[in-house]
Amino acid sequence: MPGRHLQFSATSPDSLRQDNLRRVAGSERTPLPNARIVGPPDPEQSIKLTVYVRSRPAHMHIPSLKEIGHSPYEWMHSTQRAQTLSAFEADAKDINAVKKFAAANKLKLIEASQVKRSVLVEGKIGDATRAFGVDAASSKRFSASTTG
C-alpha cells in the first residue's frame, strides 16, 4: 500500500561526535522497496521515536532458551526466575539518561520501560533531527504498477 515515510541518515561523521553522539552499528535504515525521496519533511510536524537501550550488564549466569524451556515448573514460578529475567532489563541509569537527553532536546516523554528496554518520546521533526544529529527526508512508496 502506498504511503509516506521518513528516512533518517547521519549528516556527517563529525555531527555524530557532537555531544557524545555516535553511530550505533546496525541501526542504519535503507529505503523501503519502491520508495522514492519526495523532499524534506515539515520540521514542525510531530513525530514519535522509540529509543532502545542495552540490557544491564549480566553478573550472573543467564540460561539459554533451551535451559529455560527444560526448567521444572517450580523454577518457572520462583524468585530465581525473576532475578534471571531481570538481567535482560535495561539499567535504570540508562533509561534516566535517555529521559534527560529527551528533555534537554525538547522531546516529550511518552513512556519509559526497563522491561522493554525502551523510551518512547514525541516532538517536532526539527527538534528530533537536531537532537540525534541526522537529516530526515520524506519518501513515498509507490506500488509496482505506478510509473514515473
Protein backbone atom coordinates (compact mmCIF):
# COMPACT_ATOMS: atom_id res chain seq x y z
CA MET A 1 0.00 0.00 0.00
CA PRO A 2 1.46 3.41 -0.90
CA GLY A 3 2.35 5.72 1.98
CA ARG A 4 4.70 8.40 3.24
CA HIS A 5 7.69 7.51 5.40
CA LEU A 6 10.61 9.35 6.93
CA GLN A 7 14.18 8.30 6.27
CA PHE A 8 16.86 9.43 8.70
CA SER A 9 20.55 9.45 7.90
CA ALA A 10 23.63 10.83 9.61
CA THR A 11 24.53 14.27 8.36
CA SER A 12 28.25 13.57 8.66
CA PRO A 13 30.63 11.59 10.85
CA ASP A 14 31.53 14.86 12.62
CA SER A 15 27.91 15.53 13.57
CA LEU A 16 27.78 12.17 15.32
CA ARG A 17 30.67 13.17 17.57
CA GLN A 18 28.88 16.25 18.91
CA ASP A 19 27.57 15.91 22.44
CA ASN A 20 28.81 12.31 22.74
CA LEU A 21 26.61 11.06 19.89
CA ARG A 22 27.96 8.12 17.95
CA ARG A 23 26.73 5.84 15.22
CA VAL A 24 25.24 2.60 16.51
CA ALA A 25 26.29 -0.33 14.34
CA GLY A 26 23.29 -1.99 12.72
CA SER A 27 20.95 0.97 13.25
CA GLU A 28 21.15 2.23 9.67
CA ARG A 29 17.93 2.04 7.70
CA THR A 30 17.52 1.73 3.96
CA PRO A 31 14.53 2.99 2.00
CA LEU A 32 11.63 0.61 1.58
CA PRO A 33 11.26 -1.16 -1.79
CA ASN A 34 9.65 1.07 -4.42
CA ALA A 35 10.22 4.17 -2.26
CA ARG A 36 11.48 7.48 -3.60
CA ILE A 37 12.55 10.56 -1.70
CA VAL A 38 9.98 13.30 -2.31
CA GLY A 39 11.55 16.10 -0.25
CA PRO A 40 12.25 17.27 3.27
CA PRO A 41 9.62 16.78 5.96
CA ASP A 42 7.95 19.71 7.70
CA PRO A 43 10.24 20.42 10.69
CA GLU A 44 7.18 21.47 12.72
CA GLN A 45 5.41 18.13 12.15
CA SER A 46 5.11 15.88 15.21
CA ILE A 47 6.93 12.55 15.34
CA LYS A 48 7.18 9.71 17.85
CA LEU A 49 10.50 7.93 18.27
CA THR A 50 11.46 4.85 20.25
CA VAL A 51 14.95 4.82 21.72
CA TYR A 52 16.20 1.35 22.66
CA VAL A 53 18.84 0.89 25.36
CA ARG A 54 21.16 -2.00 26.14
CA SER A 55 20.37 -4.65 28.71
CA ARG A 56 22.05 -4.31 32.07
CA PRO A 57 25.44 -5.97 32.38
CA ALA A 58 24.97 -9.55 33.48
CA HIS A 59 26.69 -10.52 36.72
CA MET A 60 25.08 -13.93 36.77
CA HIS A 61 24.59 -16.96 34.57
CA ILE A 62 21.81 -16.29 32.08
CA PRO A 63 20.24 -19.54 30.97
CA SER A 64 19.69 -20.24 27.30
CA LEU A 65 16.17 -20.57 25.93
CA LYS A 66 16.69 -24.34 25.85
CA GLU A 67 17.59 -24.35 29.56
CA ILE A 68 14.57 -22.20 30.40
CA GLY A 69 12.30 -24.45 28.35
CA HIS A 70 13.52 -27.53 30.18
CA SER A 71 13.26 -25.98 33.66
CA PRO A 72 10.97 -27.58 36.21
CA TYR A 73 7.60 -25.96 36.84
CA GLU A 74 8.71 -24.81 40.29
CA TRP A 75 11.59 -22.76 38.81
CA MET A 76 9.20 -21.01 36.43
CA HIS A 77 7.42 -19.52 39.47
CA SER A 78 10.43 -18.88 41.68
CA THR A 79 12.28 -15.74 42.68
CA GLN A 80 15.35 -17.11 40.86
CA ARG A 81 13.35 -16.86 37.62
CA ALA A 82 12.52 -13.23 38.31
CA GLN A 83 16.18 -12.48 39.07
CA THR A 84 17.29 -14.20 35.86
CA LEU A 85 14.75 -12.36 33.73
CA SER A 86 15.69 -9.02 35.31
CA ALA A 87 19.17 -9.46 33.82
CA PHE A 88 17.58 -8.80 30.40
CA GLU A 89 16.09 -5.47 31.53
CA ALA A 90 17.63 -2.06 30.98
CA ASP A 91 19.63 -0.40 33.71
CA ALA A 92 17.63 2.43 35.30
CA LYS A 93 20.65 4.72 34.78
CA ASP A 94 20.44 4.23 31.01
CA ILE A 95 16.69 4.88 30.96
CA ASN A 96 17.19 8.04 33.03
CA ALA A 97 19.99 9.23 30.73
CA VAL A 98 17.64 8.95 27.72
CA LYS A 99 14.91 10.81 29.64
CA LYS A 100 17.35 13.62 30.46
CA PHE A 101 18.57 13.74 26.83
CA ALA A 102 14.98 13.92 25.57
CA ALA A 103 14.02 16.74 27.93
CA ALA A 104 17.15 18.71 27.02
CA ASN A 105 16.21 18.43 23.34
CA LYS A 106 12.53 19.43 23.56
CA LEU A 107 11.28 15.86 23.22
CA LYS A 108 8.35 14.87 25.44
CA LEU A 109 8.49 11.57 27.34
CA ILE A 110 5.56 9.29 26.45
CA GLU A 111 6.67 6.00 28.01
CA ALA A 112 9.78 4.50 29.59
CA SER A 113 10.17 0.80 30.31
CA GLN A 114 13.08 -1.08 31.82
CA VAL A 115 11.47 -4.38 30.82
CA LYS A 116 11.08 -3.31 27.16
CA ARG A 117 14.46 -1.53 27.31
CA SER A 118 12.92 1.42 25.52
CA VAL A 119 11.91 5.05 25.86
CA LEU A 120 9.15 6.48 23.66
CA VAL A 121 9.39 10.21 23.01
CA GLU A 122 7.45 12.70 20.91
CA GLY A 123 8.40 16.05 19.48
CA LYS A 124 8.86 18.09 16.34
CA ILE A 125 10.83 16.56 13.48
CA GLY A 126 13.19 19.56 13.53
CA ASP A 127 13.99 19.05 17.22
CA ALA A 128 14.47 15.29 16.73
CA THR A 129 16.87 15.69 13.80
CA ARG A 130 18.95 18.23 15.75
CA ALA A 131 18.95 16.04 18.87
CA PHE A 132 20.18 12.95 17.06
CA GLY A 133 22.43 14.69 14.50
CA VAL A 134 20.61 13.30 11.48
CA ASP A 135 18.92 14.52 8.31
CA ALA A 136 15.39 13.48 7.52
CA ALA A 137 13.77 13.04 4.14
CA SER A 138 10.17 12.22 3.26
CA SER A 139 9.75 9.32 0.94
CA LYS A 140 6.74 7.95 -0.83
CA ARG A 141 6.30 4.29 -1.56
CA PHE A 142 4.84 3.58 -4.96
CA SER A 143 3.10 0.39 -5.97
CA ALA A 144 4.80 -1.75 -8.59
CA SER A 145 2.18 -0.66 -11.15
CA THR A 146 2.88 3.07 -10.57
CA THR A 147 5.03 4.65 -13.26
CA GLY A 148 7.07 7.81 -13.38
